[in-house]
Structure formats: structure tokens, C-alpha cells
Amino acid sequence: MIGYDPKYWKHGVNVTVGQFCDYVKKNIPSDAVLYICGDNNVYLHYLSESNIFSVDYDDLSDLPEYEGYEAGKLVTGVSS
């Protein structure tokens, strides 16, 4: 790995989905592959009662609310 570009090194607290999407659309090439915690597996979780959206590398399939369910397909991406 060559190394991350420090001009894109950002930190945020309580960032909204809209703010995150705006930043990514304006600053990151749309064909860049998304990694979460160094992993190219991406799982989305939403807690509607608290309006919290989580992007994770873990499927969290052991949670009781996911019992009997299977994660739906987000998009078909480039496989490595």
C-alpha cells in the first residue's frame, strides 16, 4: 500500500447521512471502492426509532432482530 492522501483525512461527530453523501460526491471519485475498517464487505443497519444509520463490515447477524432474516443485496460491486 502506498499510503493514504492526508488531504482526505477527515473526522466528524454526529455527521448526517446527507453531509456524508455530499462530501463523498464532491471529493471522492465515484468508482473508488468503499472499505469499512479495512474490509470491502459493507453492511447497512438502520435504527428507525433513534434515526441512526450504521455502515459496518460486520453483518451483525447474531442480533435478535435479524433472526430469521438474511441481509438483502445492496449493489453488485467489483469483486476482488
PDB file of N, CA and C in Angstrom:
ATOM      1  N   MET A   1       0.845  -1.180   0.000  1.00  0.00           N
ATOM      2  CA  MET A   1       0.000   0.000   0.000  1.00  0.00           C
ATOM      3  C   MET A   1       0.889   1.242   0.000  1.00  0.00           C
ATOM      4  N   ILE A   2       0.607   2.170  -0.860  1.00  0.00           N
ATOM      5  CA  ILE A   2       1.394   3.388  -0.988  1.00  0.00           C
ATOM      6  C   ILE A   2       1.155   4.316   0.195  1.00  0.00           C
ATOM      7  N   GLY A   3      -0.061   4.472   0.612  1.00  0.00           N
ATOM      8  CA  GLY A   3      -0.397   5.339   1.742  1.00  0.00           C
ATOM      9  C   GLY A   3      -1.569   6.241   1.411  1.00  0.00           C
ATOM     10  N   TYR A   4      -2.300   6.591   2.435  1.00  0.00           N
ATOM     11  CA  TYR A   4      -3.454   7.463   2.276  1.00  0.00           C
ATOM     12  C   TYR A   4      -3.016   8.899   2.010  1.00  0.00           C
ATOM     13  N   ASP A   5      -3.824   9.637   1.272  1.00  0.00           N
ATOM     14  CA  ASP A   5      -3.574  11.041   0.996  1.00  0.00           C
ATOM     15  C   ASP A   5      -4.092  11.861   2.173  1.00  0.00           C
ATOM     16  N   PRO A   6      -3.224  12.590   2.881  1.00  0.00           N
ATOM     17  CA  PRO A   6      -3.659  13.320   4.078  1.00  0.00           C
ATOM     18  C   PRO A   6      -4.685  14.418   3.818  1.00  0.00           C
ATOM     19  N   LYS A   7      -4.809  14.895   2.576  1.00  0.00           N
ATOM     20  CA  LYS A   7      -5.803  15.948   2.335  1.00  0.00           C
ATOM     21  C   LYS A   7      -7.236  15.417   2.463  1.00  0.00           C
ATOM     22  N   TYR A   8      -7.412  14.090   2.428  1.00  0.00           N
ATOM     23  CA  TYR A   8      -8.738  13.484   2.575  1.00  0.00           C
ATOM     24  C   TYR A   8      -8.977  12.939   3.984  1.00  0.00           C
ATOM     25  N   TRP A   9      -8.042  13.135   4.881  1.00  0.00           N
ATOM     26  CA  TRP A   9      -8.157  12.635   6.251  1.00  0.00           C
ATOM     27  C   TRP A   9      -9.120  13.531   7.001  1.00  0.00           C
ATOM     28  N   LYS A  10     -10.289  13.015   7.324  1.00  0.00           N
ATOM     29  CA  LYS A  10     -11.340  13.810   7.956  1.00  0.00           C
ATOM     30  C   LYS A  10     -11.874  13.100   9.194  1.00  0.00           C
ATOM     31  N   HIS A  11     -12.418  13.862  10.092  1.00  0.00           N
ATOM     32  CA  HIS A  11     -13.072  13.345  11.296  1.00  0.00           C
ATOM     33  C   HIS A  11     -14.382  14.109  11.482  1.00  0.00           C
ATOM     34  N   GLY A  12     -15.406  13.427  11.932  1.00  0.00           N
ATOM     35  CA  GLY A  12     -16.674  14.085  12.193  1.00  0.00           C
ATOM     36  C   GLY A  12     -17.372  13.444  13.370  1.00  0.00           C
ATOM     37  N   VAL A  13     -18.250  14.183  13.999  1.00  0.00           N
ATOM     38  CA  VAL A  13     -19.071  13.704  15.102  1.00  0.00           C
ATOM     39  C   VAL A  13     -20.521  14.033  14.752  1.00  0.00           C
ATOM     40  N   ASN A  14     -21.388  13.045  14.883  1.00  0.00           N
ATOM     41  CA  ASN A  14     -22.809  13.227  14.561  1.00  0.00           C
ATOM     42  C   ASN A  14     -23.022  13.737  13.133  1.00  0.00           C
ATOM     43  N   VAL A  15     -22.258  13.199  12.208  1.00  0.00           N
ATOM     44  CA  VAL A  15     -22.379  13.550  10.794  1.00  0.00           C
ATOM     45  C   VAL A  15     -23.672  12.943  10.257  1.00  0.00           C
ATOM     46  N   THR A  16     -24.451  13.726   9.543  1.00  0.00           N
ATOM     47  CA  THR A  16     -25.687  13.196   8.969  1.00  0.00           C
ATOM     48  C   THR A  16     -25.376  12.444   7.677  1.00  0.00           C
ATOM     49  N   VAL A  17     -26.303  11.620   7.256  1.00  0.00           N
ATOM     50  CA  VAL A  17     -26.159  10.891   6.002  1.00  0.00           C
ATOM     51  C   VAL A  17     -26.000  11.893   4.855  1.00  0.00           C
ATOM     52  N   GLY A  18     -26.783  12.952   4.866  1.00  0.00           N
ATOM     53  CA  GLY A  18     -26.694  13.966   3.822  1.00  0.00           C
ATOM     54  C   GLY A  18     -25.327  14.629   3.767  1.00  0.00           C
ATOM     55  N   GLN A  19     -24.791  14.987   4.922  1.00  0.00           N
ATOM     56  CA  GLN A  19     -23.470  15.606   4.967  1.00  0.00           C
ATOM     57  C   GLN A  19     -22.402  14.645   4.443  1.00  0.00           C
ATOM     58  N   PHE A  20     -22.496  13.393   4.859  1.00  0.00           N
ATOM     59  CA  PHE A  20     -21.540  12.388   4.410  1.00  0.00           C
ATOM     60  C   PHE A  20     -21.617  12.211   2.892  1.00  0.00           C
ATOM     61  N   CYS A  21     -22.831  12.057   2.371  1.00  0.00           N
ATOM     62  CA  CYS A  21     -23.013  11.867   0.924  1.00  0.00           C
ATOM     63  C   CYS A  21     -22.518  13.073   0.143  1.00  0.00           C
ATOM     64  N   ASP A  22     -22.819  14.276   0.617  1.00  0.00           N
ATOM     65  CA  ASP A  22     -22.355  15.490  -0.057  1.00  0.00           C
ATOM     66  C   ASP A  22     -20.837  15.519  -0.135  1.00  0.00           C
ATOM     67  N   TYR A  23     -20.169  15.222   0.978  1.00  0.00           N
ATOM     68  CA  TYR A  23     -18.705  15.228   0.991  1.00  0.00           C
ATOM     69  C   TYR A  23     -18.150  14.206  -0.002  1.00  0.00           C
ATOM     70  N   VAL A  24     -18.672  12.994   0.064  1.00  0.00           N
ATOM     71  CA  VAL A  24     -18.166  11.929  -0.801  1.00  0.00           C
ATOM     72  C   VAL A  24     -18.399  12.275  -2.275  1.00  0.00           C
ATOM     73  N   LYS A  25     -19.588  12.737  -2.610  1.00  0.00           N
ATOM     74  CA  LYS A  25     -19.900  13.087  -4.005  1.00  0.00           C
ATOM     75  C   LYS A  25     -18.985  14.186  -4.533  1.00  0.00           C
ATOM     76  N   LYS A  26     -18.649  15.147  -3.682  1.00  0.00           N
ATOM     77  CA  LYS A  26     -17.839  16.290  -4.122  1.00  0.00           C
ATOM     78  C   LYS A  26     -16.341  16.005  -4.124  1.00  0.00           C
ATOM     79  N   ASN A  27     -15.888  15.026  -3.336  1.00  0.00           N
ATOM     80  CA  ASN A  27     -14.448  14.876  -3.127  1.00  0.00           C
ATOM     81  C   ASN A  27     -13.844  13.526  -3.489  1.00  0.00           C
ATOM     82  N   ILE A  28     -14.640  12.498  -3.603  1.00  0.00           N
ATOM     83  CA  ILE A  28     -14.107  11.146  -3.832  1.00  0.00           C
ATOM     84  C   ILE A  28     -14.593  10.647  -5.191  1.00  0.00           C
ATOM     85  N   PRO A  29     -13.716  10.074  -6.006  1.00  0.00           N
ATOM     86  CA  PRO A  29     -14.160   9.539  -7.301  1.00  0.00           C
ATOM     87  C   PRO A  29     -15.256   8.485  -7.113  1.00  0.00           C
ATOM     88  N   SER A  30     -16.277   8.540  -7.948  1.00  0.00           N
ATOM     89  CA  SER A  30     -17.425   7.643  -7.795  1.00  0.00           C
ATOM     90  C   SER A  30     -17.066   6.177  -8.032  1.00  0.00           C
ATOM     91  N   ASP A  31     -15.942   5.890  -8.652  1.00  0.00           N
ATOM     92  CA  ASP A  31     -15.554   4.496  -8.871  1.00  0.00           C
ATOM     93  C   ASP A  31     -14.596   3.967  -7.803  1.00  0.00           C
ATOM     94  N   ALA A  32     -14.328   4.778  -6.756  1.00  0.00           N
ATOM     95  CA  ALA A  32     -13.489   4.304  -5.648  1.00  0.00           C
ATOM     96  C   ALA A  32     -14.240   3.213  -4.893  1.00  0.00           C
ATOM     97  N   VAL A  33     -13.547   2.133  -4.546  1.00  0.00           N
ATOM     98  CA  VAL A  33     -14.163   1.022  -3.816  1.00  0.00           C
ATOM     99  C   VAL A  33     -14.241   1.386  -2.331  1.00  0.00           C
ATOM    100  N   LEU A  34     -15.415   1.182  -1.743  1.00  0.00           N
ATOM    101  CA  LEU A  34     -15.663   1.513  -0.340  1.00  0.00           C
ATOM    102  C   LEU A  34     -15.181   0.391   0.571  1.00  0.00           C
ATOM    103  N   TYR A  35     -14.315   0.724   1.502  1.00  0.00           N
ATOM    104  CA  TYR A  35     -13.847  -0.200   2.532  1.00  0.00           C
ATOM    105  C   TYR A  35     -14.316   0.331   3.883  1.00  0.00           C
ATOM    106  N   ILE A  36     -14.732  -0.560   4.758  1.00  0.00           N
ATOM    107  CA  ILE A  36     -15.117  -0.196   6.116  1.00  0.00           C
ATOM    108  C   ILE A  36     -14.167  -0.921   7.057  1.00  0.00           C
ATOM    109  N   CYS A  37     -13.419  -0.182   7.843  1.00  0.00           N
ATOM    110  CA  CYS A  37     -12.423  -0.755   8.760  1.00  0.00           C
ATOM    111  C   CYS A  37     -11.480  -1.707   8.029  1.00  0.00           C
ATOM    112  N   GLY A  38     -11.063  -1.322   6.829  1.00  0.00           N
ATOM    113  CA  GLY A  38     -10.113  -2.119   6.064  1.00  0.00           C
ATOM    114  C   GLY A  38     -10.704  -3.323   5.367  1.00  0.00           C
ATOM    115  N   ASP A  39     -12.020  -3.428   5.307  1.00  0.00           N
ATOM    116  CA  ASP A  39     -12.688  -4.582   4.715  1.00  0.00           C
ATOM    117  C   ASP A  39     -13.637  -4.113   3.621  1.00  0.00           C
ATOM    118  N   ASN A  40     -13.703  -4.872   2.523  1.00  0.00           N
ATOM    119  CA  ASN A  40     -14.573  -4.472   1.425  1.00  0.00           C
ATOM    120  C   ASN A  40     -15.993  -5.021   1.547  1.00  0.00           C
ATOM    121  N   ASN A  41     -16.311  -5.693   2.645  1.00  0.00           N
ATOM    122  CA  ASN A  41     -17.691  -6.094   2.929  1.00  0.00           C
ATOM    123  C   ASN A  41     -18.401  -4.923   3.594  1.00  0.00           C
ATOM    124  N   VAL A  42     -19.588  -4.584   3.102  1.00  0.00           N
ATOM    125  CA  VAL A  42     -20.327  -3.446   3.623  1.00  0.00           C
ATOM    126  C   VAL A  42     -21.728  -3.900   4.012  1.00  0.00           C
ATOM    127  N   TYR A  43     -22.094  -3.622   5.241  1.00  0.00           N
ATOM    128  CA  TYR A  43     -23.438  -3.915   5.744  1.00  0.00           C
ATOM    129  C   TYR A  43     -24.055  -2.622   6.251  1.00  0.00           C
ATOM    130  N   LEU A  44     -25.323  -2.439   5.959  1.00  0.00           N
ATOM    131  CA  LEU A  44     -26.041  -1.254   6.406  1.00  0.00           C
ATOM    132  C   LEU A  44     -27.054  -1.651   7.472  1.00  0.00           C
ATOM    133  N   HIS A  45     -27.136  -0.845   8.513  1.00  0.00           N
ATOM    134  CA  HIS A  45     -28.061  -1.083   9.614  1.00  0.00           C
ATOM    135  C   HIS A  45     -28.743   0.245   9.936  1.00  0.00           C
ATOM    136  N   TYR A  46     -30.056   0.192  10.163  1.00  0.00           N
ATOM    137  CA  TYR A  46     -30.802   1.415  10.473  1.00  0.00           C
ATOM    138  C   TYR A  46     -31.707   1.182  11.669  1.00  0.00           C
ATOM    139  N   LEU A  47     -31.621   2.066  12.628  1.00  0.00           N
ATOM    140  CA  LEU A  47     -32.459   2.043  13.825  1.00  0.00           C
ATOM    141  C   LEU A  47     -33.454   3.195  13.701  1.00  0.00           C
ATOM    142  N   SER A  48     -34.648   2.879  13.208  1.00  0.00           N
ATOM    143  CA  SER A  48     -35.618   3.932  12.894  1.00  0.00           C
ATOM    144  C   SER A  48     -36.070   4.709  14.124  1.00  0.00           C
ATOM    145  N   GLU A  49     -36.175   4.046  15.282  1.00  0.00           N
ATOM    146  CA  GLU A  49     -36.634   4.724  16.497  1.00  0.00           C
ATOM    147  C   GLU A  49     -35.707   5.864  16.895  1.00  0.00           C
ATOM    148  N   SER A  50     -34.421   5.710  16.638  1.00  0.00           N
ATOM    149  CA  SER A  50     -33.425   6.726  17.005  1.00  0.00           C
ATOM    150  C   SER A  50     -32.880   7.476  15.803  1.00  0.00           C
ATOM    151  N   ASN A  51     -33.337   7.108  14.599  1.00  0.00           N
ATOM    152  CA  ASN A  51     -32.864   7.725  13.364  1.00  0.00           C
ATOM    153  C   ASN A  51     -31.343   7.622  13.235  1.00  0.00           C
ATOM    154  N   ILE A  52     -30.831   6.425  13.491  1.00  0.00           N
ATOM    155  CA  ILE A  52     -29.393   6.164  13.413  1.00  0.00           C
ATOM    156  C   ILE A  52     -29.130   5.176  12.283  1.00  0.00           C
ATOM    157  N   PHE A  53     -28.198   5.540  11.415  1.00  0.00           N
ATOM    158  CA  PHE A  53     -27.790   4.722  10.279  1.00  0.00           C
ATOM    159  C   PHE A  53     -26.351   4.301  10.500  1.00  0.00           C
ATOM    160  N   SER A  54     -26.085   3.009  10.405  1.00  0.00           N
ATOM    161  CA  SER A  54     -24.744   2.484  10.647  1.00  0.00           C
ATOM    162  C   SER A  54     -24.240   1.760   9.419  1.00  0.00           C
ATOM    163  N   VAL A  55     -22.996   2.053   9.048  1.00  0.00           N
ATOM    164  CA  VAL A  55     -22.301   1.336   7.981  1.00  0.00           C
ATOM    165  C   VAL A  55     -21.231   0.514   8.678  1.00  0.00           C
ATOM    166  N   ASP A  56     -21.213  -0.787   8.412  1.00  0.00           N
ATOM    167  CA  ASP A  56     -20.359  -1.702   9.171  1.00  0.00           C
ATOM    168  C   ASP A  56     -19.749  -2.740   8.250  1.00  0.00           C
ATOM    169  N   TYR A  57     -18.665  -3.375   8.695  1.00  0.00           N
ATOM    170  CA  TYR A  57     -18.091  -4.517   7.986  1.00  0.00           C
ATOM    171  C   TYR A  57     -18.632  -5.821   8.556  1.00  0.00           C
ATOM    172  N   ASP A  58     -19.339  -5.748   9.674  1.00  0.00           N
ATOM    173  CA  ASP A  58     -19.900  -6.912  10.354  1.00  0.00           C
ATOM    174  C   ASP A  58     -21.386  -7.019  10.020  1.00  0.00           C
ATOM    175  N   ASP A  59     -21.841  -8.221   9.686  1.00  0.00           N
ATOM    176  CA  ASP A  59     -23.258  -8.387   9.333  1.00  0.00           C
ATOM    177  C   ASP A  59     -24.179  -8.314  10.545  1.00  0.00           C
ATOM    178  N   LEU A  60     -23.631  -8.446  11.736  1.00  0.00           N
ATOM    179  CA  LEU A  60     -24.399  -8.401  12.980  1.00  0.00           C
ATOM    180  C   LEU A  60     -25.560  -9.390  12.976  1.00  0.00           C
ATOM    181  N   SER A  61     -25.372 -10.495  12.266  1.00  0.00           N
ATOM    182  CA  SER A  61     -26.443 -11.484  12.114  1.00  0.00           C
ATOM    183  C   SER A  61     -26.822 -12.162  13.431  1.00  0.00           C
ATOM    184  N   ASP A  62     -26.003 -11.998  14.466  1.00  0.00           N
ATOM    185  CA  ASP A  62     -26.330 -12.594  15.759  1.00  0.00           C
ATOM    186  C   ASP A  62     -27.310 -11.740  16.571  1.00  0.00           C
ATOM    187  N   LEU A  63     -27.662 -10.564  16.070  1.00  0.00           N
ATOM    188  CA  LEU A  63     -28.624  -9.729  16.783  1.00  0.00           C
ATOM    189  C   LEU A  63     -30.018 -10.359  16.703  1.00  0.00           C
ATOM    190  N   PRO A  64     -30.786 -10.297  17.789  1.00  0.00           N
ATOM    191  CA  PRO A  64     -32.104 -10.937  17.803  1.00  0.00           C
ATOM    192  C   PRO A  64     -33.059 -10.366  16.745  1.00  0.00           C
ATOM    193  N   GLU A  65     -32.936  -9.094  16.419  1.00  0.00           N
ATOM    194  CA  GLU A  65     -33.846  -8.504  15.434  1.00  0.00           C
ATOM    195  C   GLU A  65     -33.618  -9.023  14.016  1.00  0.00           C
ATOM    196  N   TYR A  66     -32.463  -9.645  13.775  1.00  0.00           N
ATOM    197  CA  TYR A  66     -32.183 -10.198  12.446  1.00  0.00           C
ATOM    198  C   TYR A  66     -32.482 -11.695  12.360  1.00  0.00           C
ATOM    199  N   GLU A  67     -32.937 -12.290  13.466  1.00  0.00           N
ATOM    200  CA  GLU A  67     -33.248 -13.725  13.464  1.00  0.00           C
ATOM    201  C   GLU A  67     -34.320 -14.026  12.419  1.00  0.00           C
ATOM    202  N   GLY A  68     -34.043 -14.999  11.581  1.00  0.00           N
ATOM    203  CA  GLY A  68     -34.968 -15.391  10.533  1.00  0.00           C
ATOM    204  C   GLY A  68     -34.868 -14.548   9.274  1.00  0.00           C
ATOM    205  N   TYR A  69     -33.943 -13.606   9.251  1.00  0.00           N
ATOM    206  CA  TYR A  69     -33.753 -12.738   8.091  1.00  0.00           C
ATOM    207  C   TYR A  69     -32.378 -12.980   7.482  1.00  0.00           C
ATOM    208  N   GLU A  70     -32.218 -12.561   6.251  1.00  0.00           N
ATOM    209  CA  GLU A  70     -30.931 -12.589   5.568  1.00  0.00           C
ATOM    210  C   GLU A  70     -30.699 -11.190   5.014  1.00  0.00           C
ATOM    211  N   ALA A  71     -29.464 -10.723   5.081  1.00  0.00           N
ATOM    212  CA  ALA A  71     -29.152  -9.386   4.566  1.00  0.00           C
ATOM    213  C   ALA A  71     -29.488  -9.309   3.083  1.00  0.00           C
ATOM    214  N   GLY A  72     -30.194  -8.266   2.697  1.00  0.00           N
ATOM    215  CA  GLY A  72     -30.510  -8.051   1.295  1.00  0.00           C
ATOM    216  C   GLY A  72     -29.280  -7.558   0.539  1.00  0.00           C
ATOM    217  N   LYS A  73     -29.345  -7.668  -0.757  1.00  0.00           N
ATOM    218  CA  LYS A  73     -28.242  -7.242  -1.622  1.00  0.00           C
ATOM    219  C   LYS A  73     -28.314  -5.737  -1.802  1.00  0.00           C
ATOM    220  N   LEU A  74     -27.230  -5.051  -1.513  1.00  0.00           N
ATOM    221  CA  LEU A  74     -27.157  -3.606  -1.686  1.00  0.00           C
ATOM    222  C   LEU A  74     -26.944  -3.274  -3.161  1.00  0.00           C
ATOM    223  N   VAL A  75     -25.809  -3.653  -3.681  1.00  0.00           N
ATOM    224  CA  VAL A  75     -25.467  -3.487  -5.092  1.00  0.00           C
ATOM    225  C   VAL A  75     -24.495  -4.588  -5.462  1.00  0.00           C
ATOM    226  N   THR A  76     -24.377  -4.845  -6.723  1.00  0.00           N
ATOM    227  CA  THR A  76     -23.363  -5.778  -7.191  1.00  0.00           C
ATOM    228  C   THR A  76     -22.130  -4.948  -7.496  1.00  0.00           C
ATOM    229  N   GLY A  77     -21.063  -5.198  -6.753  1.00  0.00           N
ATOM    230  CA  GLY A  77     -19.846  -4.417  -6.937  1.00  0.00           C
ATOM    231  C   GLY A  77     -18.777  -5.238  -7.627  1.00  0.00           C
ATOM    232  N   VAL A  78     -17.615  -4.643  -7.695  1.00  0.00           N
ATOM    233  CA  VAL A  78     -16.455  -5.303  -8.265  1.00  0.00           C
ATOM    234  C   VAL A  78     -15.916  -6.252  -7.208  1.00  0.00           C
ATOM    235  N   SER A  79     -15.770  -7.506  -7.562  1.00  0.00           N
ATOM    236  CA  SER A  79     -15.241  -8.460  -6.586  1.00  0.00           C
ATOM    237  C   SER A  79     -13.727  -8.579  -6.748  1.00  0.00           C
ATOM    238  N   SER A  80     -13.078  -8.826  -5.635  1.00  0.00           N
ATOM    239  CA  SER A  80     -11.621  -8.965  -5.684  1.00  0.00           C
ATOM    240  C   SER A  80     -11.202 -10.355  -5.310  1.00  0.00           C
TER     241      SER A  80
END
